[in-house]
Amino acid sequence: MRRLLDDFVKLDEPDKSATASTQQPDNGVPIYADYEGNHVEAIYHQATKRVEITSGVLRGHSYKSPSGAAIGVVQAYNPNVHPNRNGWSFWFITENGEALQTIRS
């Protein structure tokens, strides 16, 4: 089970050529999560469904999905709990505070 989770949440090297400040407005949606008293900011890329963490201990890490990023946050801040999370309800859109699932295609 642990191996499957590790594959699901596999971290990729950060893309040095693209940062939050250089993203096209339609290519990245600023999102955030509050977990265990920690505020984590990220960018959700609608075309690829990837999440790039832009703050906190995971800054610079990129995940294949919102759920993968949510699991990464839980593992980083509370490694003693089961990390499975639904990323669509874990992350919120910075602009309006709505759950990420509201823009899920």
PDB file of N, CA and C in Angstrom:
ATOM      1  N   MET A   1       0.827  -1.178   0.000  1.00  0.00           N
ATOM      2  CA  MET A   1       0.000   0.000   0.000  1.00  0.00           C
ATOM      3  C   MET A   1       0.877   1.250   0.000  1.00  0.00           C
ATOM      4  N   ARG A   2       1.924   1.258   0.815  1.00  0.00           N
ATOM      5  CA  ARG A   2       2.811   2.417   0.912  1.00  0.00           C
ATOM      6  C   ARG A   2       3.469   2.691  -0.446  1.00  0.00           C
ATOM      7  N   ARG A   3       3.889   1.633  -1.149  1.00  0.00           N
ATOM      8  CA  ARG A   3       4.521   1.805  -2.456  1.00  0.00           C
ATOM      9  C   ARG A   3       3.553   2.440  -3.453  1.00  0.00           C
ATOM     10  N   LEU A   4       2.302   2.020  -3.419  1.00  0.00           N
ATOM     11  CA  LEU A   4       1.299   2.596  -4.309  1.00  0.00           C
ATOM     12  C   LEU A   4       1.094   4.078  -4.000  1.00  0.00           C
ATOM     13  N   LEU A   5       1.024   4.402  -2.713  1.00  0.00           N
ATOM     14  CA  LEU A   5       0.872   5.805  -2.331  1.00  0.00           C
ATOM     15  C   LEU A   5       2.072   6.625  -2.774  1.00  0.00           C
ATOM     16  N   ASP A   6       3.269   6.077  -2.569  1.00  0.00           N
ATOM     17  CA  ASP A   6       4.470   6.802  -2.969  1.00  0.00           C
ATOM     18  C   ASP A   6       4.486   7.058  -4.473  1.00  0.00           C
ATOM     19  N   ASP A   7       4.039   6.088  -5.274  1.00  0.00           N
ATOM     20  CA  ASP A   7       3.964   6.281  -6.720  1.00  0.00           C
ATOM     21  C   ASP A   7       2.936   7.336  -7.067  1.00  0.00           C
ATOM     22  N   PHE A   8       1.810   7.341  -6.361  1.00  0.00           N
ATOM     23  CA  PHE A   8       0.736   8.299  -6.632  1.00  0.00           C
ATOM     24  C   PHE A   8       1.172   9.727  -6.345  1.00  0.00           C
ATOM     25  N   VAL A   9       1.968   9.898  -5.289  1.00  0.00           N
ATOM     26  CA  VAL A   9       2.367  11.223  -4.855  1.00  0.00           C
ATOM     27  C   VAL A   9       3.757  11.585  -5.336  1.00  0.00           C
ATOM     28  N   LYS A  10       4.281  10.829  -6.264  1.00  0.00           N
ATOM     29  CA  LYS A  10       5.646  11.032  -6.720  1.00  0.00           C
ATOM     30  C   LYS A  10       5.926  12.498  -7.034  1.00  0.00           C
ATOM     31  N   LEU A  11       6.980  12.983  -6.401  1.00  0.00           N
ATOM     32  CA  LEU A  11       7.379  14.372  -6.605  1.00  0.00           C
ATOM     33  C   LEU A  11       8.173  14.483  -7.891  1.00  0.00           C
ATOM     34  N   ASP A  12       7.993  15.582  -8.575  1.00  0.00           N
ATOM     35  CA  ASP A  12       8.786  15.889  -9.751  1.00  0.00           C
ATOM     36  C   ASP A  12       9.703  17.041  -9.401  1.00  0.00           C
ATOM     37  N   GLU A  13      10.773  17.164 -10.154  1.00  0.00           N
ATOM     38  CA  GLU A  13      11.661  18.295  -9.970  1.00  0.00           C
ATOM     39  C   GLU A  13      10.916  19.571 -10.331  1.00  0.00           C
ATOM     40  N   PRO A  14      11.124  20.642  -9.591  1.00  0.00           N
ATOM     41  CA  PRO A  14      10.461  21.892  -9.934  1.00  0.00           C
ATOM     42  C   PRO A  14      10.905  22.373 -11.307  1.00  0.00           C
ATOM     43  N   ASP A  15       9.999  22.987 -12.033  1.00  0.00           N
ATOM     44  CA  ASP A  15      10.288  23.547 -13.345  1.00  0.00           C
ATOM     45  C   ASP A  15      10.866  24.934 -13.144  1.00  0.00           C
ATOM     46  N   LYS A  16      12.160  25.079 -13.340  1.00  0.00           N
ATOM     47  CA  LYS A  16      12.838  26.350 -13.102  1.00  0.00           C
ATOM     48  C   LYS A  16      12.413  27.425 -14.096  1.00  0.00           C
ATOM     49  N   SER A  17      11.912  27.031 -15.263  1.00  0.00           N
ATOM     50  CA  SER A  17      11.563  28.011 -16.286  1.00  0.00           C
ATOM     51  C   SER A  17      10.189  28.627 -16.059  1.00  0.00           C
ATOM     52  N   ALA A  18       9.372  28.026 -15.220  1.00  0.00           N
ATOM     53  CA  ALA A  18       8.016  28.550 -15.003  1.00  0.00           C
ATOM     54  C   ALA A  18       7.761  28.713 -13.519  1.00  0.00           C
ATOM     55  N   THR A  19       7.546  29.939 -13.108  1.00  0.00           N
ATOM     56  CA  THR A  19       7.210  30.209 -11.718  1.00  0.00           C
ATOM     57  C   THR A  19       5.829  30.822 -11.677  1.00  0.00           C
ATOM     58  N   ALA A  20       5.290  30.958 -10.498  1.00  0.00           N
ATOM     59  CA  ALA A  20       3.937  31.505 -10.359  1.00  0.00           C
ATOM     60  C   ALA A  20       3.835  32.895 -10.970  1.00  0.00           C
ATOM     61  N   SER A  21       4.904  33.668 -10.906  1.00  0.00           N
ATOM     62  CA  SER A  21       4.834  35.030 -11.417  1.00  0.00           C
ATOM     63  C   SER A  21       4.868  35.091 -12.940  1.00  0.00           C
ATOM     64  N   THR A  22       5.280  34.020 -13.618  1.00  0.00           N
ATOM     65  CA  THR A  22       5.359  34.049 -15.074  1.00  0.00           C
ATOM     66  C   THR A  22       4.274  33.224 -15.734  1.00  0.00           C
ATOM     67  N   GLN A  23       3.363  32.655 -14.965  1.00  0.00           N
ATOM     68  CA  GLN A  23       2.305  31.821 -15.537  1.00  0.00           C
ATOM     69  C   GLN A  23       1.305  32.677 -16.306  1.00  0.00           C
ATOM     70  N   GLN A  24       0.790  32.130 -17.381  1.00  0.00           N
ATOM     71  CA  GLN A  24      -0.292  32.775 -18.103  1.00  0.00           C
ATOM     72  C   GLN A  24      -1.511  32.788 -17.181  1.00  0.00           C
ATOM     73  N   PRO A  25      -2.308  33.862 -17.178  1.00  0.00           N
ATOM     74  CA  PRO A  25      -3.474  33.924 -16.296  1.00  0.00           C
ATOM     75  C   PRO A  25      -4.437  32.755 -16.503  1.00  0.00           C
ATOM     76  N   ASP A  26      -4.590  32.278 -17.735  1.00  0.00           N
ATOM     77  CA  ASP A  26      -5.521  31.184 -17.983  1.00  0.00           C
ATOM     78  C   ASP A  26      -4.872  29.816 -17.785  1.00  0.00           C
ATOM     79  N   ASN A  27      -3.603  29.791 -17.460  1.00  0.00           N
ATOM     80  CA  ASN A  27      -2.899  28.522 -17.311  1.00  0.00           C
ATOM     81  C   ASN A  27      -2.720  28.111 -15.857  1.00  0.00           C
ATOM     82  N   GLY A  28      -2.872  29.028 -14.939  1.00  0.00           N
ATOM     83  CA  GLY A  28      -2.667  28.691 -13.546  1.00  0.00           C
ATOM     84  C   GLY A  28      -3.652  29.398 -12.648  1.00  0.00           C
ATOM     85  N   VAL A  29      -4.254  28.640 -11.739  1.00  0.00           N
ATOM     86  CA  VAL A  29      -5.222  29.195 -10.799  1.00  0.00           C
ATOM     87  C   VAL A  29      -4.591  29.158  -9.406  1.00  0.00           C
ATOM     88  N   PRO A  30      -4.403  30.311  -8.762  1.00  0.00           N
ATOM     89  CA  PRO A  30      -3.874  30.315  -7.400  1.00  0.00           C
ATOM     90  C   PRO A  30      -4.851  29.612  -6.444  1.00  0.00           C
ATOM     91  N   ILE A  31      -4.316  28.682  -5.666  1.00  0.00           N
ATOM     92  CA  ILE A  31      -5.116  27.929  -4.700  1.00  0.00           C
ATOM     93  C   ILE A  31      -4.384  27.903  -3.361  1.00  0.00           C
ATOM     94  N   TYR A  32      -5.095  27.461  -2.320  1.00  0.00           N
ATOM     95  CA  TYR A  32      -4.467  27.341  -1.008  1.00  0.00           C
ATOM     96  C   TYR A  32      -5.138  26.220  -0.225  1.00  0.00           C
ATOM     97  N   ALA A  33      -4.433  25.785   0.813  1.00  0.00           N
ATOM     98  CA  ALA A  33      -4.990  24.825   1.762  1.00  0.00           C
ATOM     99  C   ALA A  33      -4.527  25.238   3.154  1.00  0.00           C
ATOM    100  N   ASP A  34      -5.397  25.072   4.125  1.00  0.00           N
ATOM    101  CA  ASP A  34      -5.030  25.270   5.519  1.00  0.00           C
ATOM    102  C   ASP A  34      -5.102  23.916   6.194  1.00  0.00           C
ATOM    103  N   TYR A  35      -3.953  23.449   6.692  1.00  0.00           N
ATOM    104  CA  TYR A  35      -3.901  22.125   7.303  1.00  0.00           C
ATOM    105  C   TYR A  35      -3.030  22.176   8.554  1.00  0.00           C
ATOM    106  N   GLU A  36      -3.579  21.718   9.658  1.00  0.00           N
ATOM    107  CA  GLU A  36      -2.850  21.649  10.932  1.00  0.00           C
ATOM    108  C   GLU A  36      -2.213  22.999  11.273  1.00  0.00           C
ATOM    109  N   GLY A  37      -2.935  24.078  11.027  1.00  0.00           N
ATOM    110  CA  GLY A  37      -2.443  25.410  11.349  1.00  0.00           C
ATOM    111  C   GLY A  37      -1.447  25.973  10.345  1.00  0.00           C
ATOM    112  N   ASN A  38      -1.249  25.287   9.239  1.00  0.00           N
ATOM    113  CA  ASN A  38      -0.316  25.736   8.208  1.00  0.00           C
ATOM    114  C   ASN A  38      -1.083  26.165   6.963  1.00  0.00           C
ATOM    115  N   HIS A  39      -0.731  27.323   6.443  1.00  0.00           N
ATOM    116  CA  HIS A  39      -1.338  27.851   5.217  1.00  0.00           C
ATOM    117  C   HIS A  39      -0.376  27.544   4.074  1.00  0.00           C
ATOM    118  N   VAL A  40      -0.834  26.785   3.091  1.00  0.00           N
ATOM    119  CA  VAL A  40       0.003  26.390   1.956  1.00  0.00           C
ATOM    120  C   VAL A  40      -0.608  26.963   0.683  1.00  0.00           C
ATOM    121  N   GLU A  41       0.205  27.656  -0.087  1.00  0.00           N
ATOM    122  CA  GLU A  41      -0.253  28.240  -1.345  1.00  0.00           C
ATOM    123  C   GLU A  41       0.295  27.419  -2.507  1.00  0.00           C
ATOM    124  N   ALA A  42      -0.467  27.415  -3.614  1.00  0.00           N
ATOM    125  CA  ALA A  42      -0.068  26.618  -4.775  1.00  0.00           C
ATOM    126  C   ALA A  42      -0.720  27.189  -6.028  1.00  0.00           C
ATOM    127  N   ILE A  43      -0.328  26.639  -7.163  1.00  0.00           N
ATOM    128  CA  ILE A  43      -0.927  26.979  -8.447  1.00  0.00           C
ATOM    129  C   ILE A  43      -1.480  25.687  -9.038  1.00  0.00           C
ATOM    130  N   TYR A  44      -2.753  25.729  -9.443  1.00  0.00           N
ATOM    131  CA  TYR A  44      -3.389  24.592 -10.110  1.00  0.00           C
ATOM    132  C   TYR A  44      -3.392  24.870 -11.607  1.00  0.00           C
ATOM    133  N   HIS A  45      -2.826  23.962 -12.372  1.00  0.00           N
ATOM    134  CA  HIS A  45      -2.763  24.090 -13.828  1.00  0.00           C
ATOM    135  C   HIS A  45      -3.891  23.269 -14.439  1.00  0.00           C
ATOM    136  N   GLN A  46      -4.903  23.961 -14.943  1.00  0.00           N
ATOM    137  CA  GLN A  46      -6.105  23.287 -15.436  1.00  0.00           C
ATOM    138  C   GLN A  46      -5.828  22.351 -16.608  1.00  0.00           C
ATOM    139  N   ALA A  47      -4.940  22.731 -17.500  1.00  0.00           N
ATOM    140  CA  ALA A  47      -4.681  21.906 -18.684  1.00  0.00           C
ATOM    141  C   ALA A  47      -4.076  20.559 -18.324  1.00  0.00           C
ATOM    142  N   THR A  48      -3.185  20.541 -17.335  1.00  0.00           N
ATOM    143  CA  THR A  48      -2.490  19.301 -16.968  1.00  0.00           C
ATOM    144  C   THR A  48      -2.988  18.703 -15.663  1.00  0.00           C
ATOM    145  N   LYS A  49      -3.771  19.463 -14.906  1.00  0.00           N
ATOM    146  CA  LYS A  49      -4.271  19.086 -13.583  1.00  0.00           C
ATOM    147  C   LYS A  49      -3.164  18.996 -12.530  1.00  0.00           C
ATOM    148  N   ARG A  50      -1.991  19.520 -12.846  1.00  0.00           N
ATOM    149  CA  ARG A  50      -0.869  19.518 -11.909  1.00  0.00           C
ATOM    150  C   ARG A  50      -1.036  20.623 -10.873  1.00  0.00           C
ATOM    151  N   VAL A  51      -0.426  20.401  -9.711  1.00  0.00           N
ATOM    152  CA  VAL A  51      -0.401  21.402  -8.640  1.00  0.00           C
ATOM    153  C   VAL A  51       1.055  21.680  -8.297  1.00  0.00           C
ATOM    154  N   GLU A  52       1.420  22.950  -8.355  1.00  0.00           N
ATOM    155  CA  GLU A  52       2.768  23.389  -8.005  1.00  0.00           C
ATOM    156  C   GLU A  52       2.694  24.157  -6.692  1.00  0.00           C
ATOM    157  N   ILE A  53       3.365  23.647  -5.666  1.00  0.00           N
ATOM    158  CA  ILE A  53       3.355  24.283  -4.346  1.00  0.00           C
ATOM    159  C   ILE A  53       4.269  25.516  -4.390  1.00  0.00           C
ATOM    160  N   THR A  54       3.766  26.652  -3.908  1.00  0.00           N
ATOM    161  CA  THR A  54       4.533  27.900  -3.975  1.00  0.00           C
ATOM    162  C   THR A  54       4.909  28.468  -2.608  1.00  0.00           C
ATOM    163  N   SER A  55       4.518  27.791  -1.523  1.00  0.00           N
ATOM    164  CA  SER A  55       4.895  28.268  -0.193  1.00  0.00           C
ATOM    165  C   SER A  55       5.046  27.087   0.754  1.00  0.00           C
ATOM    166  N   GLY A  56       5.650  27.359   1.900  1.00  0.00           N
ATOM    167  CA  GLY A  56       5.788  26.321   2.925  1.00  0.00           C
ATOM    168  C   GLY A  56       6.933  25.364   2.651  1.00  0.00           C
ATOM    169  N   VAL A  57       6.966  24.281   3.410  1.00  0.00           N
ATOM    170  CA  VAL A  57       8.077  23.333   3.328  1.00  0.00           C
ATOM    171  C   VAL A  57       8.137  22.588   1.995  1.00  0.00           C
ATOM    172  N   LEU A  58       7.044  22.555   1.256  1.00  0.00           N
ATOM    173  CA  LEU A  58       7.016  21.859  -0.036  1.00  0.00           C
ATOM    174  C   LEU A  58       7.183  22.808  -1.219  1.00  0.00           C
ATOM    175  N   ARG A  59       7.514  24.049  -0.949  1.00  0.00           N
ATOM    176  CA  ARG A  59       7.677  25.043  -2.015  1.00  0.00           C
ATOM    177  C   ARG A  59       8.588  24.501  -3.120  1.00  0.00           C
ATOM    178  N   GLY A  60       8.111  24.631  -4.373  1.00  0.00           N
ATOM    179  CA  GLY A  60       8.897  24.165  -5.509  1.00  0.00           C
ATOM    180  C   GLY A  60       8.566  22.753  -5.955  1.00  0.00           C
ATOM    181  N   HIS A  61       7.794  22.023  -5.160  1.00  0.00           N
ATOM    182  CA  HIS A  61       7.393  20.674  -5.546  1.00  0.00           C
ATOM    183  C   HIS A  61       6.153  20.731  -6.431  1.00  0.00           C
ATOM    184  N   SER A  62       6.101  19.813  -7.379  1.00  0.00           N
ATOM    185  CA  SER A  62       4.984  19.736  -8.304  1.00  0.00           C
ATOM    186  C   SER A  62       4.383  18.339  -8.233  1.00  0.00           C
ATOM    187  N   TYR A  63       3.071  18.268  -8.253  1.00  0.00           N
ATOM    188  CA  TYR A  63       2.369  16.996  -8.126  1.00  0.00           C
ATOM    189  C   TYR A  63       1.470  16.761  -9.334  1.00  0.00           C
ATOM    190  N   LYS A  64       1.219  15.518  -9.625  1.00  0.00           N
ATOM    191  CA  LYS A  64       0.427  15.140 -10.799  1.00  0.00           C
ATOM    192  C   LYS A  64      -1.041  15.491 -10.683  1.00  0.00           C
ATOM    193  N   SER A  65      -1.530  15.683  -9.470  1.00  0.00           N
ATOM    194  CA  SER A  65      -2.959  15.914  -9.261  1.00  0.00           C
ATOM    195  C   SER A  65      -3.180  16.691  -7.968  1.00  0.00           C
ATOM    196  N   PRO A  66      -4.365  17.278  -7.810  1.00  0.00           N
ATOM    197  CA  PRO A  66      -4.687  17.926  -6.533  1.00  0.00           C
ATOM    198  C   PRO A  66      -4.634  16.944  -5.355  1.00  0.00           C
ATOM    199  N   SER A  67      -5.083  15.716  -5.568  1.00  0.00           N
ATOM    200  CA  SER A  67      -5.046  14.733  -4.480  1.00  0.00           C
ATOM    201  C   SER A  67      -3.614  14.365  -4.111  1.00  0.00           C
ATOM    202  N   GLY A  68      -2.756  14.233  -5.110  1.00  0.00           N
ATOM    203  CA  GLY A  68      -1.346  13.958  -4.831  1.00  0.00           C
ATOM    204  C   GLY A  68      -0.710  15.064  -4.016  1.00  0.00           C
ATOM    205  N   ALA A  69      -1.042  16.314  -4.363  1.00  0.00           N
ATOM    206  CA  ALA A  69      -0.510  17.455  -3.616  1.00  0.00           C
ATOM    207  C   ALA A  69      -1.071  17.481  -2.191  1.00  0.00           C
ATOM    208  N   ALA A  70      -2.344  17.158  -2.041  1.00  0.00           N
ATOM    209  CA  ALA A  70      -2.952  17.111  -0.712  1.00  0.00           C
ATOM    210  C   ALA A  70      -2.272  16.055   0.157  1.00  0.00           C
ATOM    211  N   ILE A  71      -2.022  14.900  -0.415  1.00  0.00           N
ATOM    212  CA  ILE A  71      -1.332  13.835   0.323  1.00  0.00           C
ATOM    213  C   ILE A  71       0.067  14.295   0.721  1.00  0.00           C
ATOM    214  N   GLY A  72       0.756  14.992  -0.192  1.00  0.00           N
ATOM    215  CA  GLY A  72       2.082  15.513   0.119  1.00  0.00           C
ATOM    216  C   GLY A  72       2.059  16.481   1.289  1.00  0.00           C
ATOM    217  N   VAL A  73       1.062  17.358   1.329  1.00  0.00           N
ATOM    218  CA  VAL A  73       0.932  18.316   2.425  1.00  0.00           C
ATOM    219  C   VAL A  73       0.686  17.582   3.740  1.00  0.00           C
ATOM    220  N   VAL A  74      -0.215  16.626   3.733  1.00  0.00           N
ATOM    221  CA  VAL A  74      -0.519  15.874   4.955  1.00  0.00           C
ATOM    222  C   VAL A  74       0.723  15.123   5.430  1.00  0.00           C
ATOM    223  N   GLN A  75       1.443  14.476   4.519  1.00  0.00           N
ATOM    224  CA  GLN A  75       2.652  13.752   4.905  1.00  0.00           C
ATOM    225  C   GLN A  75       3.709  14.685   5.483  1.00  0.00           C
ATOM    226  N   ALA A  76       3.810  15.893   4.926  1.00  0.00           N
ATOM    227  CA  ALA A  76       4.820  16.846   5.402  1.00  0.00           C
ATOM    228  C   ALA A  76       4.496  17.408   6.780  1.00  0.00           C
ATOM    229  N   TYR A  77       3.233  17.699   7.026  1.00  0.00           N
ATOM    230  CA  TYR A  77       2.864  18.367   8.269  1.00  0.00           C
ATOM    231  C   TYR A  77       2.346  17.445   9.363  1.00  0.00           C
ATOM    232  N   ASN A  78       1.919  16.248   9.013  1.00  0.00           N
ATOM    233  CA  ASN A  78       1.405  15.317  10.011  1.00  0.00           C
ATOM    234  C   ASN A  78       1.675  13.884   9.560  1.00  0.00           C
ATOM    235  N   PRO A  79       2.940  13.461   9.587  1.00  0.00           N
ATOM    236  CA  PRO A  79       3.311  12.152   9.045  1.00  0.00           C
ATOM    237  C   PRO A  79       2.748  10.955   9.815  1.00  0.00           C
ATOM    238  N   ASN A  80       2.155  11.191  10.966  1.00  0.00           N
ATOM    239  CA  ASN A  80       1.644  10.084  11.772  1.00  0.00           C
ATOM    240  C   ASN A  80       0.207   9.701  11.461  1.00  0.00           C
ATOM    241  N   VAL A  81      -0.419  10.375  10.486  1.00  0.00           N
ATOM    242  CA  VAL A  81      -1.790  10.030  10.127  1.00  0.00           C
ATOM    243  C   VAL A  81      -1.817   9.448   8.718  1.00  0.00           C
ATOM    244  N   HIS A  82      -2.899   8.751   8.409  1.00  0.00           N
ATOM    245  CA  HIS A  82      -3.082   8.228   7.061  1.00  0.00           C
ATOM    246  C   HIS A  82      -3.250   9.420   6.128  1.00  0.00           C
ATOM    247  N   PRO A  83      -2.429   9.548   5.081  1.00  0.00           N
ATOM    248  CA  PRO A  83      -2.411  10.784   4.295  1.00  0.00           C
ATOM    249  C   PRO A  83      -3.474  10.924   3.206  1.00  0.00           C
ATOM    250  N   ASN A  84      -4.256   9.889   2.937  1.00  0.00           N
ATOM    251  CA  ASN A  84      -5.219   9.989   1.831  1.00  0.00           C
ATOM    252  C   ASN A  84      -6.174  11.155   2.023  1.00  0.00           C
ATOM    253  N   ARG A  85      -6.279  11.985   0.984  1.00  0.00           N
ATOM    254  CA  ARG A  85      -7.188  13.131   0.985  1.00  0.00           C
ATOM    255  C   ARG A  85      -7.736  13.313  -0.422  1.00  0.00           C
ATOM    256  N   ASN A  86      -8.936  13.840  -0.514  1.00  0.00           N
ATOM    257  CA  ASN A  86      -9.510  14.208  -1.795  1.00  0.00           C
ATOM    258  C   ASN A  86      -9.050  15.640  -2.084  1.00  0.00           C
ATOM    259  N   GLY A  87      -8.173  15.786  -3.052  1.00  0.00           N
ATOM    260  CA  GLY A  87      -7.598  17.085  -3.350  1.00  0.00           C
ATOM    261  C   GLY A  87      -8.598  18.107  -3.830  1.00  0.00           C
ATOM    262  N   TRP A  88      -9.673  17.652  -4.454  1.00  0.00           N
ATOM    263  CA  TRP A  88     -10.674  18.584  -4.978  1.00  0.00           C
ATOM    264  C   TRP A  88     -11.397  19.321  -3.857  1.00  0.00           C
ATOM    265  N   SER A  89     -11.499  18.707  -2.677  1.00  0.00           N
ATOM    266  CA  SER A  89     -12.124  19.390  -1.543  1.00  0.00           C
ATOM    267  C   SER A  89     -11.087  19.909  -0.538  1.00  0.00           C
ATOM    268  N   PHE A  90      -9.835  19.491  -0.661  1.00  0.00           N
ATOM    269  CA  PHE A  90      -8.755  19.917   0.232  1.00  0.00           C
ATOM    270  C   PHE A  90      -8.268  21.320  -0.124  1.00  0.00           C
ATOM    271  N   TRP A  91      -8.224  21.617  -1.422  1.00  0.00           N
ATOM    272  CA  TRP A  91      -7.712  22.892  -1.920  1.00  0.00           C
ATOM    273  C   TRP A  91      -8.852  23.871  -2.190  1.00  0.00           C
ATOM    274  N   PHE A  92      -8.564  25.156  -2.000  1.00  0.00           N
ATOM    275  CA  PHE A  92      -9.539  26.219  -2.225  1.00  0.00           C
ATOM    276  C   PHE A  92      -8.962  27.265  -3.172  1.00  0.00           C
ATOM    277  N   ILE A  93      -9.822  27.872  -3.955  1.00  0.00           N
ATOM    278  CA  ILE A  93      -9.411  28.898  -4.907  1.00  0.00           C
ATOM    279  C   ILE A  93      -9.152  30.194  -4.140  1.00  0.00           C
ATOM    280  N   THR A  94      -7.979  30.749  -4.327  1.00  0.00           N
ATOM    281  CA  THR A  94      -7.577  31.945  -3.588  1.00  0.00           C
ATOM    282  C   THR A  94      -8.524  33.114  -3.847  1.00  0.00           C
ATOM    283  N   GLU A  95      -8.926  33.296  -5.061  1.00  0.00           N
ATOM    284  CA  GLU A  95      -9.738  34.454  -5.447  1.00  0.00           C
ATOM    285  C   GLU A  95     -11.088  34.524  -4.745  1.00  0.00           C
ATOM    286  N   ASN A  96     -11.727  33.353  -4.546  1.00  0.00           N
ATOM    287  CA  ASN A  96     -13.091  33.391  -4.002  1.00  0.00           C
ATOM    288  C   ASN A  96     -13.338  32.461  -2.811  1.00  0.00           C
ATOM    289  N   GLY A  97     -12.361  31.671  -2.425  1.00  0.00           N
ATOM    290  CA  GLY A  97     -12.506  30.785  -1.276  1.00  0.00           C
ATOM    291  C   GLY A  97     -13.321  29.529  -1.528  1.00  0.00           C
ATOM    292  N   GLU A  98     -13.734  29.307  -2.774  1.00  0.00           N
ATOM    293  CA  GLU A  98     -14.514  28.109  -3.103  1.00  0.00           C
ATOM    294  C   GLU A  98     -13.597  26.902  -3.261  1.00  0.00           C
ATOM    295  N   ALA A  99     -14.168  25.731  -3.029  1.00  0.00           N
ATOM    296  CA  ALA A  99     -13.395  24.495  -3.183  1.00  0.00           C
ATOM    297  C   ALA A  99     -12.938  24.344  -4.630  1.00  0.00           C
ATOM    298  N   LEU A 100     -11.767  23.767  -4.816  1.00  0.00           N
ATOM    299  CA  LEU A 100     -11.211  23.559  -6.153  1.00  0.00           C
ATOM    300  C   LEU A 100     -12.169  22.757  -7.035  1.00  0.00           C
ATOM    301  N   GLN A 101     -12.954  21.894  -6.429  1.00  0.00           N
ATOM    302  CA  GLN A 101     -13.876  21.061  -7.205  1.00  0.00           C
ATOM    303  C   GLN A 101     -14.876  21.881  -8.018  1.00  0.00           C
ATOM    304  N   THR A 102     -15.065  23.162  -7.664  1.00  0.00           N
ATOM    305  CA  THR A 102     -16.024  23.986  -8.402  1.00  0.00           C
ATOM    306  C   THR A 102     -15.554  24.308  -9.821  1.00  0.00           C
ATOM    307  N   ILE A 103     -14.254  24.135 -10.102  1.00  0.00           N
ATOM    308  CA  ILE A 103     -13.751  24.368 -11.459  1.00  0.00           C
ATOM    309  C   ILE A 103     -13.264  23.077 -12.109  1.00  0.00           C
ATOM    310  N   ARG A 104     -13.571  21.968 -11.481  1.00  0.00           N
ATOM    311  CA  ARG A 104     -13.151  20.674 -12.025  1.00  0.00           C
ATOM    312  C   ARG A 104     -13.899  20.408 -13.332  1.00  0.00           C
ATOM    313  N   SER A 105     -13.152  19.988 -14.352  1.00  0.00           N
ATOM    314  CA  SER A 105     -13.800  19.718 -15.639  1.00  0.00           C
ATOM    315  C   SER A 105     -14.093  18.242 -15.811  1.00  0.00           C
TER     316      SER A 105
END
